[in-house]
Amino acid sequence: MPMTVEQIASEALALPSEARALLADKLVESLDPAEDGYIRQLWMREAKQRVDEVRRGEVETVPAEETFAKVRQAIAR
């Protein structure tokens, strides 16, 4: 019986981070190039929407250094 996606994901998440990154790269490379264009369009639409929200003052930006400091602090725990 073939493994389910959940089983594969569970196995993959148990790998060391370098192996997970390599697996992620291989999976992304295996995607259909035609889908890549569609996905790129979706991300461009999302990026434009986020820029517009910032310009309209609907969201507040956070300086990169502040964000990185929070990430470093979370990782250090």
PDB file of N, CA and C in Angstrom:
ATOM      1  N   MET A   1       0.854  -1.184   0.000  1.00  0.00           N
ATOM      2  CA  MET A   1       0.000   0.000   0.000  1.00  0.00           C
ATOM      3  C   MET A   1       0.895   1.240   0.000  1.00  0.00           C
ATOM      4  N   PRO A   2       0.641   2.193  -0.916  1.00  0.00           N
ATOM      5  CA  PRO A   2       1.467   3.395  -0.979  1.00  0.00           C
ATOM      6  C   PRO A   2       1.278   4.285   0.257  1.00  0.00           C
ATOM      7  N   MET A   3       2.295   5.076   0.545  1.00  0.00           N
ATOM      8  CA  MET A   3       2.226   5.995   1.683  1.00  0.00           C
ATOM      9  C   MET A   3       1.299   7.159   1.342  1.00  0.00           C
ATOM     10  N   THR A   4       0.635   7.692   2.352  1.00  0.00           N
ATOM     11  CA  THR A   4      -0.199   8.878   2.165  1.00  0.00           C
ATOM     12  C   THR A   4       0.686  10.120   2.205  1.00  0.00           C
ATOM     13  N   VAL A   5       0.140  11.212   1.756  1.00  0.00           N
ATOM     14  CA  VAL A   5       0.881  12.475   1.796  1.00  0.00           C
ATOM     15  C   VAL A   5       1.234  12.812   3.246  1.00  0.00           C
ATOM     16  N   GLU A   6       0.327  12.552   4.164  1.00  0.00           N
ATOM     17  CA  GLU A   6       0.582  12.834   5.573  1.00  0.00           C
ATOM     18  C   GLU A   6       1.749  11.998   6.094  1.00  0.00           C
ATOM     19  N   GLN A   7       1.819  10.737   5.684  1.00  0.00           N
ATOM     20  CA  GLN A   7       2.921   9.876   6.113  1.00  0.00           C
ATOM     21  C   GLN A   7       4.249  10.361   5.526  1.00  0.00           C
ATOM     22  N   ILE A   8       4.215  10.736   4.266  1.00  0.00           N
ATOM     23  CA  ILE A   8       5.432  11.235   3.622  1.00  0.00           C
ATOM     24  C   ILE A   8       5.886  12.514   4.309  1.00  0.00           C
ATOM     25  N   ALA A   9       4.940  13.405   4.586  1.00  0.00           N
ATOM     26  CA  ALA A   9       5.284  14.669   5.254  1.00  0.00           C
ATOM     27  C   ALA A   9       5.862  14.410   6.630  1.00  0.00           C
ATOM     28  N   SER A  10       5.285  13.482   7.359  1.00  0.00           N
ATOM     29  CA  SER A  10       5.787  13.143   8.684  1.00  0.00           C
ATOM     30  C   SER A  10       7.224  12.629   8.615  1.00  0.00           C
ATOM     31  N   GLU A  11       7.487  11.760   7.653  1.00  0.00           N
ATOM     32  CA  GLU A  11       8.841  11.237   7.458  1.00  0.00           C
ATOM     33  C   GLU A  11       9.804  12.367   7.067  1.00  0.00           C
ATOM     34  N   ALA A  12       9.349  13.219   6.162  1.00  0.00           N
ATOM     35  CA  ALA A  12      10.206  14.311   5.681  1.00  0.00           C
ATOM     36  C   ALA A  12      10.527  15.288   6.800  1.00  0.00           C
ATOM     37  N   LEU A  13       9.549  15.584   7.642  1.00  0.00           N
ATOM     38  CA  LEU A  13       9.774  16.522   8.737  1.00  0.00           C
ATOM     39  C   LEU A  13      10.727  15.974   9.798  1.00  0.00           C
ATOM     40  N   ALA A  14      10.920  14.683   9.808  1.00  0.00           N
ATOM     41  CA  ALA A  14      11.856  14.070  10.753  1.00  0.00           C
ATOM     42  C   ALA A  14      13.302  14.159  10.260  1.00  0.00           C
ATOM     43  N   LEU A  15      13.504  14.560   9.007  1.00  0.00           N
ATOM     44  CA  LEU A  15      14.848  14.678   8.445  1.00  0.00           C
ATOM     45  C   LEU A  15      15.571  15.892   9.014  1.00  0.00           C
ATOM     46  N   PRO A  16      16.909  15.875   8.988  1.00  0.00           N
ATOM     47  CA  PRO A  16      17.662  17.072   9.378  1.00  0.00           C
ATOM     48  C   PRO A  16      17.335  18.226   8.431  1.00  0.00           C
ATOM     49  N   SER A  17      17.547  19.453   8.878  1.00  0.00           N
ATOM     50  CA  SER A  17      17.136  20.618   8.093  1.00  0.00           C
ATOM     51  C   SER A  17      17.769  20.667   6.706  1.00  0.00           C
ATOM     52  N   GLU A  18      19.036  20.284   6.575  1.00  0.00           N
ATOM     53  CA  GLU A  18      19.668  20.299   5.251  1.00  0.00           C
ATOM     54  C   GLU A  18      18.986  19.330   4.302  1.00  0.00           C
ATOM     55  N   ALA A  19      18.625  18.161   4.800  1.00  0.00           N
ATOM     56  CA  ALA A  19      17.944  17.167   3.966  1.00  0.00           C
ATOM     57  C   ALA A  19      16.551  17.660   3.589  1.00  0.00           C
ATOM     58  N   ARG A  20      15.860  18.328   4.526  1.00  0.00           N
ATOM     59  CA  ARG A  20      14.533  18.872   4.212  1.00  0.00           C
ATOM     60  C   ARG A  20      14.633  19.944   3.139  1.00  0.00           C
ATOM     61  N   ALA A  21      15.664  20.794   3.229  1.00  0.00           N
ATOM     62  CA  ALA A  21      15.847  21.843   2.221  1.00  0.00           C
ATOM     63  C   ALA A  21      16.110  21.226   0.852  1.00  0.00           C
ATOM     64  N   LEU A  22      16.946  20.192   0.803  1.00  0.00           N
ATOM     65  CA  LEU A  22      17.236  19.518  -0.464  1.00  0.00           C
ATOM     66  C   LEU A  22      15.966  18.889  -1.029  1.00  0.00           C
ATOM     67  N   LEU A  23      15.192  18.249  -0.181  1.00  0.00           N
ATOM     68  CA  LEU A  23      13.932  17.646  -0.618  1.00  0.00           C
ATOM     69  C   LEU A  23      12.974  18.714  -1.132  1.00  0.00           C
ATOM     70  N   ALA A  24      12.886  19.833  -0.425  1.00  0.00           N
ATOM     71  CA  ALA A  24      12.005  20.914  -0.865  1.00  0.00           C
ATOM     72  C   ALA A  24      12.429  21.421  -2.241  1.00  0.00           C
ATOM     73  N   ASP A  25      13.735  21.589  -2.449  1.00  0.00           N
ATOM     74  CA  ASP A  25      14.231  22.019  -3.754  1.00  0.00           C
ATOM     75  C   ASP A  25      13.844  21.033  -4.845  1.00  0.00           C
ATOM     76  N   LYS A  26      14.017  19.755  -4.570  1.00  0.00           N
ATOM     77  CA  LYS A  26      13.680  18.730  -5.559  1.00  0.00           C
ATOM     78  C   LYS A  26      12.186  18.743  -5.877  1.00  0.00           C
ATOM     79  N   LEU A  27      11.361  18.933  -4.866  1.00  0.00           N
ATOM     80  CA  LEU A  27       9.918  18.975  -5.089  1.00  0.00           C
ATOM     81  C   LEU A  27       9.525  20.192  -5.920  1.00  0.00           C
ATOM     82  N   VAL A  28      10.098  21.342  -5.614  1.00  0.00           N
ATOM     83  CA  VAL A  28       9.787  22.546  -6.383  1.00  0.00           C
ATOM     84  C   VAL A  28      10.233  22.386  -7.827  1.00  0.00           C
ATOM     85  N   GLU A  29      11.426  21.829  -8.031  1.00  0.00           N
ATOM     86  CA  GLU A  29      11.929  21.611  -9.385  1.00  0.00           C
ATOM     87  C   GLU A  29      11.040  20.657 -10.179  1.00  0.00           C
ATOM     88  N   SER A  30      10.335  19.781  -9.494  1.00  0.00           N
ATOM     89  CA  SER A  30       9.505  18.793 -10.185  1.00  0.00           C
ATOM     90  C   SER A  30       8.157  19.346 -10.633  1.00  0.00           C
ATOM     91  N   LEU A  31       7.822  20.566 -10.223  1.00  0.00           N
ATOM     92  CA  LEU A  31       6.529  21.138 -10.580  1.00  0.00           C
ATOM     93  C   LEU A  31       6.462  21.440 -12.068  1.00  0.00           C
ATOM     94  N   ASP A  32       5.270  21.392 -12.593  1.00  0.00           N
ATOM     95  CA  ASP A  32       5.026  21.666 -14.007  1.00  0.00           C
ATOM     96  C   ASP A  32       5.340  23.132 -14.299  1.00  0.00           C
ATOM     97  N   PRO A  33       6.213  23.386 -15.284  1.00  0.00           N
ATOM     98  CA  PRO A  33       6.555  24.779 -15.615  1.00  0.00           C
ATOM     99  C   PRO A  33       5.345  25.635 -15.974  1.00  0.00           C
ATOM    100  N   ALA A  34       4.317  25.032 -16.559  1.00  0.00           N
ATOM    101  CA  ALA A  34       3.111  25.793 -16.892  1.00  0.00           C
ATOM    102  C   ALA A  34       2.445  26.305 -15.620  1.00  0.00           C
ATOM    103  N   GLU A  35       2.471  25.498 -14.566  1.00  0.00           N
ATOM    104  CA  GLU A  35       1.890  25.919 -13.295  1.00  0.00           C
ATOM    105  C   GLU A  35       2.722  27.026 -12.673  1.00  0.00           C
ATOM    106  N   ASP A  36       4.036  27.017 -12.934  1.00  0.00           N
ATOM    107  CA  ASP A  36       4.923  28.021 -12.362  1.00  0.00           C
ATOM    108  C   ASP A  36       4.497  29.418 -12.792  1.00  0.00           C
ATOM    109  N   GLY A  37       4.123  29.573 -14.053  1.00  0.00           N
ATOM    110  CA  GLY A  37       3.664  30.877 -14.529  1.00  0.00           C
ATOM    111  C   GLY A  37       2.413  31.329 -13.819  1.00  0.00           C
ATOM    112  N   TYR A  38       1.502  30.407 -13.593  1.00  0.00           N
ATOM    113  CA  TYR A  38       0.259  30.725 -12.885  1.00  0.00           C
ATOM    114  C   TYR A  38       0.560  31.108 -11.443  1.00  0.00           C
ATOM    115  N   ILE A  39       1.425  30.334 -10.801  1.00  0.00           N
ATOM    116  CA  ILE A  39       1.793  30.616  -9.411  1.00  0.00           C
ATOM    117  C   ILE A  39       2.489  31.976  -9.317  1.00  0.00           C
ATOM    118  N   ARG A  40       3.367  32.252 -10.281  1.00  0.00           N
ATOM    119  CA  ARG A  40       4.055  33.548 -10.309  1.00  0.00           C
ATOM    120  C   ARG A  40       3.033  34.684 -10.430  1.00  0.00           C
ATOM    121  N   GLN A  41       2.008  34.503 -11.257  1.00  0.00           N
ATOM    122  CA  GLN A  41       0.958  35.517 -11.399  1.00  0.00           C
ATOM    123  C   GLN A  41       0.239  35.741 -10.073  1.00  0.00           C
ATOM    124  N   LEU A  42      -0.068  34.648  -9.374  1.00  0.00           N
ATOM    125  CA  LEU A  42      -0.752  34.771  -8.083  1.00  0.00           C
ATOM    126  C   LEU A  42       0.099  35.533  -7.084  1.00  0.00           C
ATOM    127  N   TRP A  43       1.407  35.231  -7.053  1.00  0.00           N
ATOM    128  CA  TRP A  43       2.300  35.931  -6.120  1.00  0.00           C
ATOM    129  C   TRP A  43       2.431  37.399  -6.495  1.00  0.00           C
ATOM    130  N   MET A  44       2.477  37.718  -7.784  1.00  0.00           N
ATOM    131  CA  MET A  44       2.556  39.112  -8.214  1.00  0.00           C
ATOM    132  C   MET A  44       1.290  39.864  -7.792  1.00  0.00           C
ATOM    133  N   ARG A  45       0.144  39.236  -7.952  1.00  0.00           N
ATOM    134  CA  ARG A  45      -1.118  39.843  -7.529  1.00  0.00           C
ATOM    135  C   ARG A  45      -1.108  40.091  -6.018  1.00  0.00           C
ATOM    136  N   GLU A  46      -0.633  39.081  -5.257  1.00  0.00           N
ATOM    137  CA  GLU A  46      -0.558  39.218  -3.799  1.00  0.00           C
ATOM    138  C   GLU A  46       0.392  40.347  -3.404  1.00  0.00           C
ATOM    139  N   ALA A  47       1.560  40.411  -4.061  1.00  0.00           N
ATOM    140  CA  ALA A  47       2.539  41.460  -3.755  1.00  0.00           C
ATOM    141  C   ALA A  47       1.950  42.841  -4.040  1.00  0.00           C
ATOM    142  N   LYS A  48       1.269  42.988  -5.173  1.00  0.00           N
ATOM    143  CA  LYS A  48       0.664  44.276  -5.512  1.00  0.00           C
ATOM    144  C   LYS A  48      -0.391  44.656  -4.484  1.00  0.00           C
ATOM    145  N   GLN A  49      -1.199  43.683  -4.078  1.00  0.00           N
ATOM    146  CA  GLN A  49      -2.236  43.949  -3.078  1.00  0.00           C
ATOM    147  C   GLN A  49      -1.603  44.419  -1.770  1.00  0.00           C
ATOM    148  N   ARG A  50      -0.504  43.782  -1.357  1.00  0.00           N
ATOM    149  CA  ARG A  50       0.147  44.171  -0.102  1.00  0.00           C
ATOM    150  C   ARG A  50       0.760  45.561  -0.198  1.00  0.00           C
ATOM    151  N   VAL A  51       1.373  45.878  -1.333  1.00  0.00           N
ATOM    152  CA  VAL A  51       1.940  47.218  -1.533  1.00  0.00           C
ATOM    153  C   VAL A  51       0.820  48.257  -1.475  1.00  0.00           C
ATOM    154  N   ASP A  52      -0.284  47.980  -2.128  1.00  0.00           N
ATOM    155  CA  ASP A  52      -1.416  48.909  -2.122  1.00  0.00           C
ATOM    156  C   ASP A  52      -1.945  49.119  -0.701  1.00  0.00           C
ATOM    157  N   GLU A  53      -2.011  48.046   0.096  1.00  0.00           N
ATOM    158  CA  GLU A  53      -2.475  48.166   1.478  1.00  0.00           C
ATOM    159  C   GLU A  53      -1.545  49.058   2.296  1.00  0.00           C
ATOM    160  N   VAL A  54      -0.248  48.920   2.089  1.00  0.00           N
ATOM    161  CA  VAL A  54       0.720  49.758   2.796  1.00  0.00           C
ATOM    162  C   VAL A  54       0.541  51.211   2.370  1.00  0.00           C
ATOM    163  N   ARG A  55       0.433  51.441   1.077  1.00  0.00           N
ATOM    164  CA  ARG A  55       0.287  52.813   0.566  1.00  0.00           C
ATOM    165  C   ARG A  55      -0.986  53.485   1.055  1.00  0.00           C
ATOM    166  N   ARG A  56      -2.049  52.702   1.230  1.00  0.00           N
ATOM    167  CA  ARG A  56      -3.311  53.263   1.728  1.00  0.00           C
ATOM    168  C   ARG A  56      -3.302  53.410   3.250  1.00  0.00           C
ATOM    169  N   GLY A  57      -2.243  52.938   3.900  1.00  0.00           N
ATOM    170  CA  GLY A  57      -2.150  53.043   5.350  1.00  0.00           C
ATOM    171  C   GLY A  57      -2.976  52.005   6.085  1.00  0.00           C
ATOM    172  N   GLU A  58      -3.361  50.950   5.410  1.00  0.00           N
ATOM    173  CA  GLU A  58      -4.183  49.915   6.026  1.00  0.00           C
ATOM    174  C   GLU A  58      -3.371  48.962   6.890  1.00  0.00           C
ATOM    175  N   VAL A  59      -2.078  48.872   6.612  1.00  0.00           N
ATOM    176  CA  VAL A  59      -1.200  48.022   7.411  1.00  0.00           C
ATOM    177  C   VAL A  59       0.044  48.816   7.781  1.00  0.00           C
ATOM    178  N   GLU A  60       0.651  48.447   8.877  1.00  0.00           N
ATOM    179  CA  GLU A  60       1.860  49.115   9.341  1.00  0.00           C
ATOM    180  C   GLU A  60       3.058  48.232   9.029  1.00  0.00           C
ATOM    181  N   THR A  61       4.082  48.814   8.457  1.00  0.00           N
ATOM    182  CA  THR A  61       5.289  48.054   8.146  1.00  0.00           C
ATOM    183  C   THR A  61       6.155  47.924   9.393  1.00  0.00           C
ATOM    184  N   VAL A  62       7.011  46.910   9.382  1.00  0.00           N
ATOM    185  CA  VAL A  62       7.942  46.664  10.482  1.00  0.00           C
ATOM    186  C   VAL A  62       9.343  46.651   9.887  1.00  0.00           C
ATOM    187  N   PRO A  63      10.268  47.424  10.469  1.00  0.00           N
ATOM    188  CA  PRO A  63      11.632  47.422   9.944  1.00  0.00           C
ATOM    189  C   PRO A  63      12.241  46.015   9.957  1.00  0.00           C
ATOM    190  N   ALA A  64      13.009  45.706   8.929  1.00  0.00           N
ATOM    191  CA  ALA A  64      13.599  44.375   8.794  1.00  0.00           C
ATOM    192  C   ALA A  64      14.426  43.995  10.009  1.00  0.00           C
ATOM    193  N   GLU A  65      15.244  44.913  10.524  1.00  0.00           N
ATOM    194  CA  GLU A  65      16.093  44.590  11.671  1.00  0.00           C
ATOM    195  C   GLU A  65      15.265  44.195  12.889  1.00  0.00           C
ATOM    196  N   GLU A  66      14.135  44.856  13.082  1.00  0.00           N
ATOM    197  CA  GLU A  66      13.245  44.504  14.197  1.00  0.00           C
ATOM    198  C   GLU A  66      12.693  43.085  14.006  1.00  0.00           C
ATOM    199  N   THR A  67      12.287  42.780  12.783  1.00  0.00           N
ATOM    200  CA  THR A  67      11.761  41.451  12.470  1.00  0.00           C
ATOM    201  C   THR A  67      12.836  40.388  12.671  1.00  0.00           C
ATOM    202  N   PHE A  68      14.043  40.629  12.140  1.00  0.00           N
ATOM    203  CA  PHE A  68      15.134  39.665  12.289  1.00  0.00           C
ATOM    204  C   PHE A  68      15.485  39.457  13.754  1.00  0.00           C
ATOM    205  N   ALA A  69      15.461  40.532  14.550  1.00  0.00           N
ATOM    206  CA  ALA A  69      15.763  40.412  15.983  1.00  0.00           C
ATOM    207  C   ALA A  69      14.735  39.513  16.666  1.00  0.00           C
ATOM    208  N   LYS A  70      13.466  39.659  16.296  1.00  0.00           N
ATOM    209  CA  LYS A  70      12.418  38.814  16.878  1.00  0.00           C
ATOM    210  C   LYS A  70      12.610  37.355  16.480  1.00  0.00           C
ATOM    211  N   VAL A  71      12.988  37.124  15.227  1.00  0.00           N
ATOM    212  CA  VAL A  71      13.212  35.756  14.761  1.00  0.00           C
ATOM    213  C   VAL A  71      14.409  35.152  15.501  1.00  0.00           C
ATOM    214  N   ARG A  72      15.501  35.911  15.607  1.00  0.00           N
ATOM    215  CA  ARG A  72      16.683  35.407  16.329  1.00  0.00           C
ATOM    216  C   ARG A  72      16.331  35.060  17.773  1.00  0.00           C
ATOM    217  N   GLN A  73      15.531  35.924  18.401  1.00  0.00           N
ATOM    218  CA  GLN A  73      15.131  35.692  19.787  1.00  0.00           C
ATOM    219  C   GLN A  73      14.270  34.435  19.898  1.00  0.00           C
ATOM    220  N   ALA A  74      13.362  34.234  18.961  1.00  0.00           N
ATOM    221  CA  ALA A  74      12.508  33.053  18.985  1.00  0.00           C
ATOM    222  C   ALA A  74      13.308  31.772  18.768  1.00  0.00           C
ATOM    223  N   ILE A  75      14.307  31.849  17.898  1.00  0.00           N
ATOM    224  CA  ILE A  75      15.121  30.676  17.620  1.00  0.00           C
ATOM    225  C   ILE A  75      16.014  30.325  18.807  1.00  0.00           C
ATOM    226  N   ALA A  76      16.456  31.343  19.522  1.00  0.00           N
ATOM    227  CA  ALA A  76      17.373  31.141  20.645  1.00  0.00           C
ATOM    228  C   ALA A  76      16.694  30.466  21.831  1.00  0.00           C
ATOM    229  N   ARG A  77      15.406  30.469  21.872  1.00  0.00           N
ATOM    230  CA  ARG A  77      14.675  29.879  23.029  1.00  0.00           C
ATOM    231  C   ARG A  77      14.848  28.403  23.113  1.00  0.00           C
TER     232      ARG A  77
END
